[in-house]
Amino acid sequence: MLDVSVLVYPGMSAFETGIVTEVFGLPRPEFDRPWYRLAVCAPSDAPVPMIGGATLTTPFGLAEFAAADTVIVPGVADVHRDPPAPVLDALRTAHARGARILSICSGAFALAAAGLLDGRRATTHWRYARLLQHRFPAVDVDPGVLYLADGDVWTSAGSAAGLDLCLHVVRADHGAAIANAVARRLVVQPHRDGGQAQYIEAPMPTTAGGPGADGRIARSLEWALAHLAEPLTVDTLARQAHMSPRTYLRHFTRTTGTSPIRWLIRQRIQASLALLESTDTPIEQVAAAVGFDTPVTFRHHFAGTMRTSPSAYRQAFRTGGGRTA
């Protein structure tokens, strides 16, 4: 069982802490394996005021915060000022003893103030990216990603991106199948695109039973996921939605925020992850199994999406007990 700690601070929203609680705090007996042990920690014994007039009390302080295997800072009270010195000391202590350090949204400012982001790539909410770079020029700020994992210090963008990062932790600790199961229980959005190197297997699309154009688009996506190994074109998908290709493209972009081709590439990459993690299937066969014409095309799109090669990904996320699919 891995210990996870999350810091609360005056004036915070409960959302970021709620993300951490949902992923790491709820028991998961369905997985039949040790799960995480979560401690919500405060910088002092005083009740912590939160947005909306609520207050939070916890028996855990900075000692427990620094002692966890994974330490999470979900934000800071003021991006223009450093957090209190005891908080920064706790972060440095945790990092020195080998803890995995995470930040959500503006929490990157706390990590930077503690010196943990110097010389590293990091991200934060796009509103704060320029300020983070200005205040901490030794940090290589990348505002265009959902999250970044640079060694043992991981950062995420806006609040909702903290969920992507937390699921990445689950993937790293327990593999793709468990991470995807957690994502589906949380009813995570089915599409998180935009060039980000996400390591989380996408859950199924939302139910395809709805009426109108959105329902038909969703049904075509569900059908496409079941036929990824086949040649798929816009015309093919449009026929499944009973639309003309031009109408389908218009509604598809409005519904998903991307193009059918980019969506298909992303889903095929996602489908390849389980094969890479849990089987010895050669890369050439993995590429064919998820619908890529050639291994070269597969490697090209895999590297562009995952920021690594299929072979390197397999080595990093191998779940053991290899078999051939």
C-alpha atoms as a PDB file:
ATOM      1  CA  MET A   1       0.000   0.000   0.000  1.00  0.00           C
ATOM      2  CA  LEU A   2       1.433   3.344  -1.086  1.00  0.00           C
ATOM      3  CA  ASP A   3       0.985   6.441   1.076  1.00  0.00           C
ATOM      4  CA  VAL A   4      -0.319   9.570  -0.666  1.00  0.00           C
ATOM      5  CA  SER A   5      -0.536  12.989   0.967  1.00  0.00           C
ATOM      6  CA  VAL A   6      -2.272  16.105  -0.280  1.00  0.00           C
ATOM      7  CA  LEU A   7      -1.873  19.603   1.119  1.00  0.00           C
ATOM      8  CA  VAL A   8      -4.829  21.884   1.856  1.00  0.00           C
ATOM      9  CA  TYR A   9      -4.449  25.643   2.128  1.00  0.00           C
ATOM     10  CA  PRO A  10      -6.646  28.643   3.076  1.00  0.00           C
ATOM     11  CA  GLY A  11      -8.960  29.848   0.334  1.00  0.00           C
ATOM     12  CA  MET A  12      -8.717  26.701  -1.743  1.00  0.00           C
ATOM     13  CA  SER A  13     -11.432  25.093  -3.843  1.00  0.00           C
ATOM     14  CA  ALA A  14     -12.478  21.614  -2.808  1.00  0.00           C
ATOM     15  CA  PHE A  15     -12.301  20.421  -6.420  1.00  0.00           C
ATOM     16  CA  GLU A  16      -8.564  19.703  -6.625  1.00  0.00           C
ATOM     17  CA  THR A  17      -8.570  17.899  -3.283  1.00  0.00           C
ATOM     18  CA  GLY A  18     -11.659  16.026  -4.440  1.00  0.00           C
ATOM     19  CA  ILE A  19      -9.776  14.743  -7.490  1.00  0.00           C
ATOM     20  CA  VAL A  20      -7.047  13.332  -5.279  1.00  0.00           C
ATOM     21  CA  THR A  21      -9.594  11.833  -2.900  1.00  0.00           C
ATOM     22  CA  GLU A  22     -11.541  10.148  -5.696  1.00  0.00           C
ATOM     23  CA  VAL A  23      -8.473   8.523  -7.222  1.00  0.00           C
ATOM     24  CA  PHE A  24      -6.410   7.663  -4.160  1.00  0.00           C
ATOM     25  CA  GLY A  25      -8.759   7.863  -1.166  1.00  0.00           C
ATOM     26  CA  LEU A  26     -11.658   5.617  -2.128  1.00  0.00           C
ATOM     27  CA  PRO A  27     -11.209   1.898  -1.465  1.00  0.00           C
ATOM     28  CA  ARG A  28     -10.997  -0.252  -4.594  1.00  0.00           C
ATOM     29  CA  PRO A  29     -11.728  -3.827  -3.442  1.00  0.00           C
ATOM     30  CA  GLU A  30     -12.685  -4.792  -6.998  1.00  0.00           C
ATOM     31  CA  PHE A  31      -9.015  -4.728  -7.987  1.00  0.00           C
ATOM     32  CA  ASP A  32      -7.979  -7.321  -5.384  1.00  0.00           C
ATOM     33  CA  ARG A  33      -4.652  -5.620  -4.707  1.00  0.00           C
ATOM     34  CA  PRO A  34      -3.317  -3.139  -2.139  1.00  0.00           C
ATOM     35  CA  TRP A  35      -4.534   0.358  -2.961  1.00  0.00           C
ATOM     36  CA  TYR A  36      -3.407   3.765  -1.730  1.00  0.00           C
ATOM     37  CA  ARG A  37      -3.599   5.214   1.772  1.00  0.00           C
ATOM     38  CA  LEU A  38      -4.477   8.905   1.630  1.00  0.00           C
ATOM     39  CA  ALA A  39      -3.746  11.613   4.191  1.00  0.00           C
ATOM     40  CA  VAL A  40      -5.203  15.104   3.803  1.00  0.00           C
ATOM     41  CA  CYS A  41      -2.674  17.417   5.455  1.00  0.00           C
ATOM     42  CA  ALA A  42      -2.781  21.022   6.663  1.00  0.00           C
ATOM     43  CA  PRO A  43       0.133  23.367   7.404  1.00  0.00           C
ATOM     44  CA  SER A  44      -1.121  24.003  10.947  1.00  0.00           C
ATOM     45  CA  ASP A  45      -3.644  22.801  13.520  1.00  0.00           C
ATOM     46  CA  ALA A  46      -6.057  25.609  12.670  1.00  0.00           C
ATOM     47  CA  PRO A  47      -9.188  24.878  10.597  1.00  0.00           C
ATOM     48  CA  VAL A  48      -8.615  25.625   6.924  1.00  0.00           C
ATOM     49  CA  PRO A  49     -11.189  28.011   5.362  1.00  0.00           C
ATOM     50  CA  MET A  50     -12.333  26.988   1.895  1.00  0.00           C
ATOM     51  CA  ILE A  51     -14.255  28.683  -0.892  1.00  0.00           C
ATOM     52  CA  GLY A  52     -17.959  28.781  -0.103  1.00  0.00           C
ATOM     53  CA  GLY A  53     -17.642  29.258   3.642  1.00  0.00           C
ATOM     54  CA  ALA A  54     -16.721  25.694   4.566  1.00  0.00           C
ATOM     55  CA  THR A  55     -13.798  24.838   6.822  1.00  0.00           C
ATOM     56  CA  LEU A  56     -11.675  21.723   6.840  1.00  0.00           C
ATOM     57  CA  THR A  57      -9.964  20.111   9.797  1.00  0.00           C
ATOM     58  CA  THR A  58      -7.548  17.212   9.676  1.00  0.00           C
ATOM     59  CA  PRO A  59      -5.333  15.433  12.195  1.00  0.00           C
ATOM     60  CA  PHE A  60      -2.460  15.339   9.692  1.00  0.00           C
ATOM     61  CA  GLY A  61       0.162  18.047   9.420  1.00  0.00           C
ATOM     62  CA  LEU A  62       3.341  18.752   7.494  1.00  0.00           C
ATOM     63  CA  ALA A  63       5.208  15.829   9.060  1.00  0.00           C
ATOM     64  CA  GLU A  64       2.727  13.356   7.549  1.00  0.00           C
ATOM     65  CA  PHE A  65       2.687  15.378   4.334  1.00  0.00           C
ATOM     66  CA  ALA A  66       6.459  15.025   3.878  1.00  0.00           C
ATOM     67  CA  ALA A  67       6.504  11.350   4.878  1.00  0.00           C
ATOM     68  CA  ALA A  68       4.276  10.003   2.075  1.00  0.00           C
ATOM     69  CA  ASP A  69       5.444   8.090  -1.000  1.00  0.00           C
ATOM     70  CA  THR A  70       3.532  10.494  -3.273  1.00  0.00           C
ATOM     71  CA  VAL A  71       3.151  14.126  -2.212  1.00  0.00           C
ATOM     72  CA  ILE A  72       0.583  16.341  -3.937  1.00  0.00           C
ATOM     73  CA  VAL A  73       0.200  20.127  -3.910  1.00  0.00           C
ATOM     74  CA  PRO A  74      -3.185  20.983  -5.476  1.00  0.00           C
ATOM     75  CA  GLY A  75      -2.601  24.735  -5.689  1.00  0.00           C
ATOM     76  CA  VAL A  76      -1.326  27.799  -3.871  1.00  0.00           C
ATOM     77  CA  ALA A  77      -3.143  30.643  -2.175  1.00  0.00           C
ATOM     78  CA  ASP A  78      -1.324  33.346  -4.153  1.00  0.00           C
ATOM     79  CA  VAL A  79       0.704  32.781  -7.321  1.00  0.00           C
ATOM     80  CA  HIS A  80       2.582  36.043  -6.687  1.00  0.00           C
ATOM     81  CA  ARG A  81       3.954  34.981  -3.296  1.00  0.00           C
ATOM     82  CA  ASP A  82       5.809  31.942  -2.051  1.00  0.00           C
ATOM     83  CA  PRO A  83       4.002  29.528   0.277  1.00  0.00           C
ATOM     84  CA  PRO A  84       5.035  29.584   3.945  1.00  0.00           C
ATOM     85  CA  ALA A  85       8.580  28.427   4.629  1.00  0.00           C
ATOM     86  CA  PRO A  86       7.464  25.298   6.568  1.00  0.00           C
ATOM     87  CA  VAL A  87       5.555  24.108   3.480  1.00  0.00           C
ATOM     88  CA  LEU A  88       8.603  24.595   1.286  1.00  0.00           C
ATOM     89  CA  ASP A  89      10.774  22.784   3.811  1.00  0.00           C
ATOM     90  CA  ALA A  90       8.319  19.868   3.859  1.00  0.00           C
ATOM     91  CA  LEU A  91       8.482  19.628   0.067  1.00  0.00           C
ATOM     92  CA  ARG A  92      12.269  19.639   0.102  1.00  0.00           C
ATOM     93  CA  THR A  93      12.304  16.988   2.832  1.00  0.00           C
ATOM     94  CA  ALA A  94       9.925  14.758   0.884  1.00  0.00           C
ATOM     95  CA  HIS A  95      11.948  15.119  -2.294  1.00  0.00           C
ATOM     96  CA  ALA A  96      15.244  14.468  -0.508  1.00  0.00           C
ATOM     97  CA  ARG A  97      13.946  11.164   0.827  1.00  0.00           C
ATOM     98  CA  GLY A  98      12.817  10.047  -2.651  1.00  0.00           C
ATOM     99  CA  ALA A  99       9.105  10.857  -2.671  1.00  0.00           C
ATOM    100  CA  ARG A 100       7.227  11.411  -5.913  1.00  0.00           C
ATOM    101  CA  ILE A 101       6.128  15.076  -5.954  1.00  0.00           C
ATOM    102  CA  LEU A 102       3.016  16.206  -7.853  1.00  0.00           C
ATOM    103  CA  SER A 103       1.368  19.556  -8.433  1.00  0.00           C
ATOM    104  CA  ILE A 104      -2.054  20.409  -9.792  1.00  0.00           C
ATOM    105  CA  CYS A 105      -2.714  23.752 -11.492  1.00  0.00           C
ATOM    106  CA  SER A 106      -1.022  26.577  -9.544  1.00  0.00           C
ATOM    107  CA  GLY A 107       0.634  24.068  -7.207  1.00  0.00           C
ATOM    108  CA  ALA A 108       3.613  24.260  -9.574  1.00  0.00           C
ATOM    109  CA  PHE A 109       4.473  27.605  -7.957  1.00  0.00           C
ATOM    110  CA  ALA A 110       5.039  25.843  -4.630  1.00  0.00           C
ATOM    111  CA  LEU A 111       7.297  23.262  -6.255  1.00  0.00           C
ATOM    112  CA  ALA A 112       9.216  25.988  -8.046  1.00  0.00           C
ATOM    113  CA  ALA A 113       9.586  28.064  -4.877  1.00  0.00           C
ATOM    114  CA  ALA A 114      11.047  24.996  -3.160  1.00  0.00           C
ATOM    115  CA  GLY A 115      13.608  24.679  -5.953  1.00  0.00           C
ATOM    116  CA  LEU A 116      12.246  21.333  -7.146  1.00  0.00           C
ATOM    117  CA  LEU A 117      11.575  22.500 -10.708  1.00  0.00           C
ATOM    118  CA  ASP A 118      14.956  24.064 -11.443  1.00  0.00           C
ATOM    119  CA  GLY A 119      16.265  22.627 -14.702  1.00  0.00           C
ATOM    120  CA  ARG A 120      13.093  20.605 -15.262  1.00  0.00           C
ATOM    121  CA  ARG A 121      10.225  20.815 -17.718  1.00  0.00           C
ATOM    122  CA  ALA A 122       6.988  21.720 -15.963  1.00  0.00           C
ATOM    123  CA  THR A 123       3.507  22.959 -16.703  1.00  0.00           C
ATOM    124  CA  THR A 124       0.706  24.812 -14.981  1.00  0.00           C
ATOM    125  CA  HIS A 125      -2.602  26.417 -15.895  1.00  0.00           C
ATOM    126  CA  TRP A 126      -2.214  28.397 -19.118  1.00  0.00           C
ATOM    127  CA  ARG A 127      -3.219  31.590 -17.276  1.00  0.00           C
ATOM    128  CA  TYR A 128      -0.169  31.277 -15.033  1.00  0.00           C
ATOM    129  CA  ALA A 129       2.432  29.901 -17.461  1.00  0.00           C
ATOM    130  CA  ARG A 130       4.074  33.237 -18.268  1.00  0.00           C
ATOM    131  CA  LEU A 131       4.122  34.256 -14.633  1.00  0.00           C
ATOM    132  CA  LEU A 132       5.669  30.946 -13.609  1.00  0.00           C
ATOM    133  CA  GLN A 133       8.393  31.390 -16.230  1.00  0.00           C
ATOM    134  CA  HIS A 134       8.962  35.012 -15.174  1.00  0.00           C
ATOM    135  CA  ARG A 135       9.183  34.271 -11.469  1.00  0.00           C
ATOM    136  CA  PHE A 136      11.266  31.126 -11.888  1.00  0.00           C
ATOM    137  CA  PRO A 137      13.452  31.436 -15.018  1.00  0.00           C
ATOM    138  CA  ALA A 138      15.323  28.213 -14.208  1.00  0.00           C
ATOM    139  CA  VAL A 139      12.131  26.249 -14.957  1.00  0.00           C
ATOM    140  CA  ASP A 140      11.408  25.117 -18.520  1.00  0.00           C
ATOM    141  CA  VAL A 141       7.680  25.920 -18.644  1.00  0.00           C
ATOM    142  CA  ASP A 142       5.571  24.159 -21.286  1.00  0.00           C
ATOM    143  CA  PRO A 143       2.010  25.559 -21.307  1.00  0.00           C
ATOM    144  CA  GLY A 144       0.790  23.300 -24.124  1.00  0.00           C
ATOM    145  CA  VAL A 145       0.439  19.985 -22.305  1.00  0.00           C
ATOM    146  CA  LEU A 146      -1.994  18.462 -19.833  1.00  0.00           C
ATOM    147  CA  TYR A 147       0.805  17.244 -17.609  1.00  0.00           C
ATOM    148  CA  LEU A 148       4.511  16.491 -17.518  1.00  0.00           C
ATOM    149  CA  ALA A 149       6.433  13.824 -15.648  1.00  0.00           C
ATOM    150  CA  ASP A 150      10.074  14.884 -15.319  1.00  0.00           C
ATOM    151  CA  GLY A 151      11.833  12.328 -13.183  1.00  0.00           C
ATOM    152  CA  ASP A 152      10.217  12.230  -9.762  1.00  0.00           C
ATOM    153  CA  VAL A 153       8.554  15.660 -10.054  1.00  0.00           C
ATOM    154  CA  TRP A 154       5.270  15.741 -11.991  1.00  0.00           C
ATOM    155  CA  THR A 155       3.153  18.792 -12.812  1.00  0.00           C
ATOM    156  CA  SER A 156      -0.270  19.264 -14.408  1.00  0.00           C
ATOM    157  CA  ALA A 157      -2.162  22.084 -16.073  1.00  0.00           C
ATOM    158  CA  GLY A 158      -5.560  23.442 -14.970  1.00  0.00           C
ATOM    159  CA  SER A 159      -7.602  21.779 -12.282  1.00  0.00           C
ATOM    160  CA  ALA A 160      -9.228  19.091 -14.431  1.00  0.00           C
ATOM    161  CA  ALA A 161      -5.817  18.104 -15.811  1.00  0.00           C
ATOM    162  CA  GLY A 162      -5.005  17.000 -12.268  1.00  0.00           C
ATOM    163  CA  LEU A 163      -7.282  14.056 -12.928  1.00  0.00           C
ATOM    164  CA  ASP A 164      -5.206  13.090 -15.969  1.00  0.00           C
ATOM    165  CA  LEU A 165      -2.066  13.296 -13.855  1.00  0.00           C
ATOM    166  CA  CYS A 166      -3.518  11.248 -11.004  1.00  0.00           C
ATOM    167  CA  LEU A 167      -4.615   8.577 -13.459  1.00  0.00           C
ATOM    168  CA  HIS A 168      -1.089   8.604 -14.875  1.00  0.00           C
ATOM    169  CA  VAL A 169       0.130   7.766 -11.380  1.00  0.00           C
ATOM    170  CA  VAL A 170      -2.273   4.817 -11.272  1.00  0.00           C
ATOM    171  CA  ARG A 171      -1.045   3.673 -14.682  1.00  0.00           C
ATOM    172  CA  ALA A 172       2.582   3.873 -13.570  1.00  0.00           C
ATOM    173  CA  ASP A 173       1.863   1.966 -10.354  1.00  0.00           C
ATOM    174  CA  HIS A 174      -0.747  -0.560 -11.505  1.00  0.00           C
ATOM    175  CA  GLY A 175      -0.792  -0.675 -15.314  1.00  0.00           C
ATOM    176  CA  ALA A 176      -3.178   0.330 -18.077  1.00  0.00           C
ATOM    177  CA  ALA A 177      -6.076  -1.972 -17.226  1.00  0.00           C
ATOM    178  CA  ILE A 178      -6.428  -0.651 -13.675  1.00  0.00           C
ATOM    179  CA  ALA A 179      -5.990   2.979 -14.754  1.00  0.00           C
ATOM    180  CA  ASN A 180      -8.656   2.609 -17.412  1.00  0.00           C
ATOM    181  CA  ALA A 181     -11.035   0.930 -14.974  1.00  0.00           C
ATOM    182  CA  VAL A 182     -10.656   3.847 -12.562  1.00  0.00           C
ATOM    183  CA  ALA A 183     -11.191   6.312 -15.419  1.00  0.00           C
ATOM    184  CA  ARG A 184     -14.390   4.595 -16.498  1.00  0.00           C
ATOM    185  CA  ARG A 185     -15.723   4.605 -12.947  1.00  0.00           C
ATOM    186  CA  LEU A 186     -15.052   8.333 -12.817  1.00  0.00           C
ATOM    187  CA  VAL A 187     -16.800   8.811 -16.198  1.00  0.00           C
ATOM    188  CA  VAL A 188     -13.850  10.737 -17.566  1.00  0.00           C
ATOM    189  CA  GLN A 189     -14.278  12.561 -20.864  1.00  0.00           C
ATOM    190  CA  PRO A 190     -13.604  10.141 -23.703  1.00  0.00           C
ATOM    191  CA  HIS A 191     -11.313  12.484 -25.616  1.00  0.00           C
ATOM    192  CA  ARG A 192      -8.365  14.426 -24.221  1.00  0.00           C
ATOM    193  CA  ASP A 193      -6.435  15.533 -27.286  1.00  0.00           C
ATOM    194  CA  GLY A 194      -4.307  18.468 -28.280  1.00  0.00           C
ATOM    195  CA  GLY A 195      -0.851  16.968 -28.699  1.00  0.00           C
ATOM    196  CA  GLN A 196      -0.410  16.109 -25.022  1.00  0.00           C
ATOM    197  CA  ALA A 197       1.656  13.048 -24.175  1.00  0.00           C
ATOM    198  CA  GLN A 198      -1.043  11.325 -22.211  1.00  0.00           C
ATOM    199  CA  TYR A 199      -0.356   7.858 -20.813  1.00  0.00           C
ATOM    200  CA  ILE A 200      -3.905   7.133 -19.765  1.00  0.00           C
ATOM    201  CA  GLU A 201      -5.991   4.719 -21.760  1.00  0.00           C
ATOM    202  CA  ALA A 202      -9.104   6.542 -22.962  1.00  0.00           C
ATOM    203  CA  PRO A 203     -12.423   5.229 -21.643  1.00  0.00           C
ATOM    204  CA  MET A 204     -15.288   4.369 -23.944  1.00  0.00           C
ATOM    205  CA  PRO A 205     -17.276   7.226 -25.475  1.00  0.00           C
ATOM    206  CA  THR A 206     -20.327   8.497 -23.712  1.00  0.00           C
ATOM    207  CA  THR A 207     -23.487   6.539 -24.368  1.00  0.00           C
ATOM    208  CA  ALA A 208     -24.479   6.439 -28.001  1.00  0.00           C
ATOM    209  CA  GLY A 209     -28.160   6.255 -27.265  1.00  0.00           C
ATOM    210  CA  GLY A 210     -28.855   9.965 -27.355  1.00  0.00           C
ATOM    211  CA  PRO A 211     -31.004  11.589 -30.009  1.00  0.00           C
ATOM    212  CA  GLY A 212     -29.954  13.904 -32.795  1.00  0.00           C
ATOM    213  CA  ALA A 213     -26.593  14.488 -34.432  1.00  0.00           C
ATOM    214  CA  ASP A 214     -24.577  14.093 -31.229  1.00  0.00           C
ATOM    215  CA  GLY A 215     -26.060  10.656 -30.657  1.00  0.00           C
ATOM    216  CA  ARG A 216     -25.286   9.577 -34.196  1.00  0.00           C
ATOM    217  CA  ILE A 217     -21.707  10.831 -33.898  1.00  0.00           C
ATOM    218  CA  ALA A 218     -21.315   8.934 -30.622  1.00  0.00           C
ATOM    219  CA  ARG A 219     -22.675   5.746 -32.171  1.00  0.00           C
ATOM    220  CA  SER A 220     -20.235   6.056 -35.057  1.00  0.00           C
ATOM    221  CA  LEU A 221     -17.354   6.438 -32.588  1.00  0.00           C
ATOM    222  CA  GLU A 222     -18.449   3.384 -30.663  1.00  0.00           C
ATOM    223  CA  TRP A 223     -18.632   1.435 -33.919  1.00  0.00           C
ATOM    224  CA  ALA A 224     -15.186   2.692 -34.954  1.00  0.00           C
ATOM    225  CA  LEU A 225     -13.646   1.523 -31.672  1.00  0.00           C
ATOM    226  CA  ALA A 226     -14.948  -1.966 -32.385  1.00  0.00           C
ATOM    227  CA  HIS A 227     -13.442  -1.920 -35.901  1.00  0.00           C
ATOM    228  CA  LEU A 228     -10.098  -0.166 -35.401  1.00  0.00           C
ATOM    229  CA  ALA A 229      -8.167  -2.880 -37.257  1.00  0.00           C
ATOM    230  CA  GLU A 230     -10.168  -2.230 -40.429  1.00  0.00           C
ATOM    231  CA  PRO A 231      -9.554   0.539 -42.979  1.00  0.00           C
ATOM    232  CA  LEU A 232     -11.642   3.480 -41.752  1.00  0.00           C
ATOM    233  CA  THR A 233     -12.365   6.649 -43.676  1.00  0.00           C
ATOM    234  CA  VAL A 234     -14.576   9.675 -43.176  1.00  0.00           C
ATOM    235  CA  ASP A 235     -17.000   8.171 -45.700  1.00  0.00           C
ATOM    236  CA  THR A 236     -17.142   4.950 -43.670  1.00  0.00           C
ATOM    237  CA  LEU A 237     -17.853   6.765 -40.419  1.00  0.00           C
ATOM    238  CA  ALA A 238     -20.357   9.081 -42.070  1.00  0.00           C
ATOM    239  CA  ARG A 239     -22.330   6.080 -43.335  1.00  0.00           C
ATOM    240  CA  GLN A 240     -22.475   4.708 -39.796  1.00  0.00           C
ATOM    241  CA  ALA A 241     -23.930   8.039 -38.647  1.00  0.00           C
ATOM    242  CA  HIS A 242     -26.303   8.232 -41.640  1.00  0.00           C
ATOM    243  CA  MET A 243     -24.827  11.573 -42.679  1.00  0.00           C
ATOM    244  CA  SER A 244     -23.067  12.981 -45.705  1.00  0.00           C
ATOM    245  CA  PRO A 245     -19.277  13.245 -45.268  1.00  0.00           C
ATOM    246  CA  ARG A 246     -19.453  17.047 -45.179  1.00  0.00           C
ATOM    247  CA  THR A 247     -22.195  17.066 -42.533  1.00  0.00           C
ATOM    248  CA  TYR A 248     -20.383  14.398 -40.557  1.00  0.00           C
ATOM    249  CA  LEU A 249     -17.156  16.413 -40.517  1.00  0.00           C
ATOM    250  CA  ARG A 250     -18.972  19.501 -39.273  1.00  0.00           C
ATOM    251  CA  HIS A 251     -20.759  17.683 -36.443  1.00  0.00           C
ATOM    252  CA  PHE A 252     -17.697  15.584 -35.588  1.00  0.00           C
ATOM    253  CA  THR A 253     -15.510  18.646 -35.090  1.00  0.00           C
ATOM    254  CA  ARG A 254     -18.174  20.368 -33.030  1.00  0.00           C
ATOM    255  CA  THR A 255     -18.686  17.273 -30.849  1.00  0.00           C
ATOM    256  CA  THR A 256     -15.088  16.161 -30.307  1.00  0.00           C
ATOM    257  CA  GLY A 257     -13.011  19.276 -30.975  1.00  0.00           C
ATOM    258  CA  THR A 258     -10.791  17.412 -33.430  1.00  0.00           C
ATOM    259  CA  SER A 259     -10.882  15.746 -36.841  1.00  0.00           C
ATOM    260  CA  PRO A 260     -11.862  12.110 -37.539  1.00  0.00           C
ATOM    261  CA  ILE A 261      -8.344  11.269 -38.710  1.00  0.00           C
ATOM    262  CA  ARG A 262      -6.695  12.670 -35.596  1.00  0.00           C
ATOM    263  CA  TRP A 263      -9.300  10.939 -33.426  1.00  0.00           C
ATOM    264  CA  LEU A 264      -8.678   7.586 -35.146  1.00  0.00           C
ATOM    265  CA  ILE A 265      -4.923   7.899 -34.760  1.00  0.00           C
ATOM    266  CA  ARG A 266      -5.354   8.653 -31.074  1.00  0.00           C
ATOM    267  CA  GLN A 267      -7.685   5.722 -30.498  1.00  0.00           C
ATOM    268  CA  ARG A 268      -5.395   3.333 -32.363  1.00  0.00           C
ATOM    269  CA  ILE A 269      -2.463   4.456 -30.248  1.00  0.00           C
ATOM    270  CA  GLN A 270      -4.614   3.960 -27.139  1.00  0.00           C
ATOM    271  CA  ALA A 271      -5.583   0.478 -28.270  1.00  0.00           C
ATOM    272  CA  SER A 272      -1.935  -0.453 -28.769  1.00  0.00           C
ATOM    273  CA  LEU A 273      -0.979   0.339 -25.169  1.00  0.00           C
ATOM    274  CA  ALA A 274      -2.479  -2.783 -23.620  1.00  0.00           C
ATOM    275  CA  LEU A 275      -0.759  -4.966 -26.239  1.00  0.00           C
ATOM    276  CA  LEU A 276       2.567  -3.298 -25.563  1.00  0.00           C
ATOM    277  CA  GLU A 277       2.164  -3.565 -21.799  1.00  0.00           C
ATOM    278  CA  SER A 278       0.886  -7.107 -21.419  1.00  0.00           C
ATOM    279  CA  THR A 279       2.029  -9.140 -24.460  1.00  0.00           C
ATOM    280  CA  ASP A 280       5.155 -10.082 -26.389  1.00  0.00           C
ATOM    281  CA  THR A 281       3.432  -9.421 -29.705  1.00  0.00           C
ATOM    282  CA  PRO A 282       5.970  -7.974 -32.187  1.00  0.00           C
ATOM    283  CA  ILE A 283       5.620  -4.278 -32.961  1.00  0.00           C
ATOM    284  CA  GLU A 284       4.721  -5.088 -36.569  1.00  0.00           C
ATOM    285  CA  GLN A 285       1.761  -7.209 -35.444  1.00  0.00           C
ATOM    286  CA  VAL A 286       0.673  -4.632 -32.867  1.00  0.00           C
ATOM    287  CA  ALA A 287       0.591  -2.004 -35.607  1.00  0.00           C
ATOM    288  CA  ALA A 288      -1.598  -4.193 -37.831  1.00  0.00           C
ATOM    289  CA  ALA A 289      -3.862  -5.220 -34.956  1.00  0.00           C
ATOM    290  CA  VAL A 290      -4.862  -1.625 -34.231  1.00  0.00           C
ATOM    291  CA  GLY A 291      -5.256  -0.561 -37.856  1.00  0.00           C
ATOM    292  CA  PHE A 292      -2.000   1.088 -38.931  1.00  0.00           C
ATOM    293  CA  ASP A 293      -0.950   0.356 -42.522  1.00  0.00           C
ATOM    294  CA  THR A 294       2.733  -0.086 -41.701  1.00  0.00           C
ATOM    295  CA  PRO A 295       4.956  -0.329 -38.613  1.00  0.00           C
ATOM    296  CA  VAL A 296       6.693   2.863 -39.787  1.00  0.00           C
ATOM    297  CA  THR A 297       3.398   4.767 -39.670  1.00  0.00           C
ATOM    298  CA  PHE A 298       2.630   3.301 -36.252  1.00  0.00           C
ATOM    299  CA  ARG A 299       6.010   4.313 -34.832  1.00  0.00           C
ATOM    300  CA  HIS A 300       5.681   7.811 -36.293  1.00  0.00           C
ATOM    301  CA  HIS A 301       2.263   8.491 -34.787  1.00  0.00           C
ATOM    302  CA  PHE A 302       3.141   6.742 -31.518  1.00  0.00           C
ATOM    303  CA  ALA A 303       6.184   8.960 -31.041  1.00  0.00           C
ATOM    304  CA  GLY A 304       4.182  12.072 -31.883  1.00  0.00           C
ATOM    305  CA  THR A 305       1.460  11.193 -29.391  1.00  0.00           C
ATOM    306  CA  MET A 306       3.332   9.528 -26.553  1.00  0.00           C
ATOM    307  CA  ARG A 307       6.701  11.304 -26.867  1.00  0.00           C
ATOM    308  CA  THR A 308       8.472   7.938 -26.904  1.00  0.00           C
ATOM    309  CA  SER A 309       8.794   4.854 -29.095  1.00  0.00           C
ATOM    310  CA  PRO A 310       6.599   1.737 -28.834  1.00  0.00           C
ATOM    311  CA  SER A 311       9.599  -0.304 -27.694  1.00  0.00           C
ATOM    312  CA  ALA A 312      10.573   2.210 -25.022  1.00  0.00           C
ATOM    313  CA  TYR A 313       6.978   2.415 -23.840  1.00  0.00           C
ATOM    314  CA  ARG A 314       6.798  -1.378 -23.579  1.00  0.00           C
ATOM    315  CA  GLN A 315       9.964  -1.446 -21.515  1.00  0.00           C
ATOM    316  CA  ALA A 316       8.752   1.327 -19.183  1.00  0.00           C
ATOM    317  CA  PHE A 317       5.213   0.055 -18.608  1.00  0.00           C
ATOM    318  CA  ARG A 318       5.633  -3.702 -18.949  1.00  0.00           C
ATOM    319  CA  THR A 319       3.267  -5.426 -16.502  1.00  0.00           C
ATOM    320  CA  GLY A 320       5.167  -8.715 -16.490  1.00  0.00           C
ATOM    321  CA  GLY A 321       4.238 -12.199 -17.611  1.00  0.00           C
ATOM    322  CA  GLY A 322       4.543 -11.459 -21.316  1.00  0.00           C
ATOM    323  CA  ARG A 323       2.430 -13.445 -23.700  1.00  0.00           C
ATOM    324  CA  THR A 324       1.682 -13.281 -27.414  1.00  0.00           C
ATOM    325  CA  ALA A 325      -1.735 -11.949 -28.343  1.00  0.00           C
END
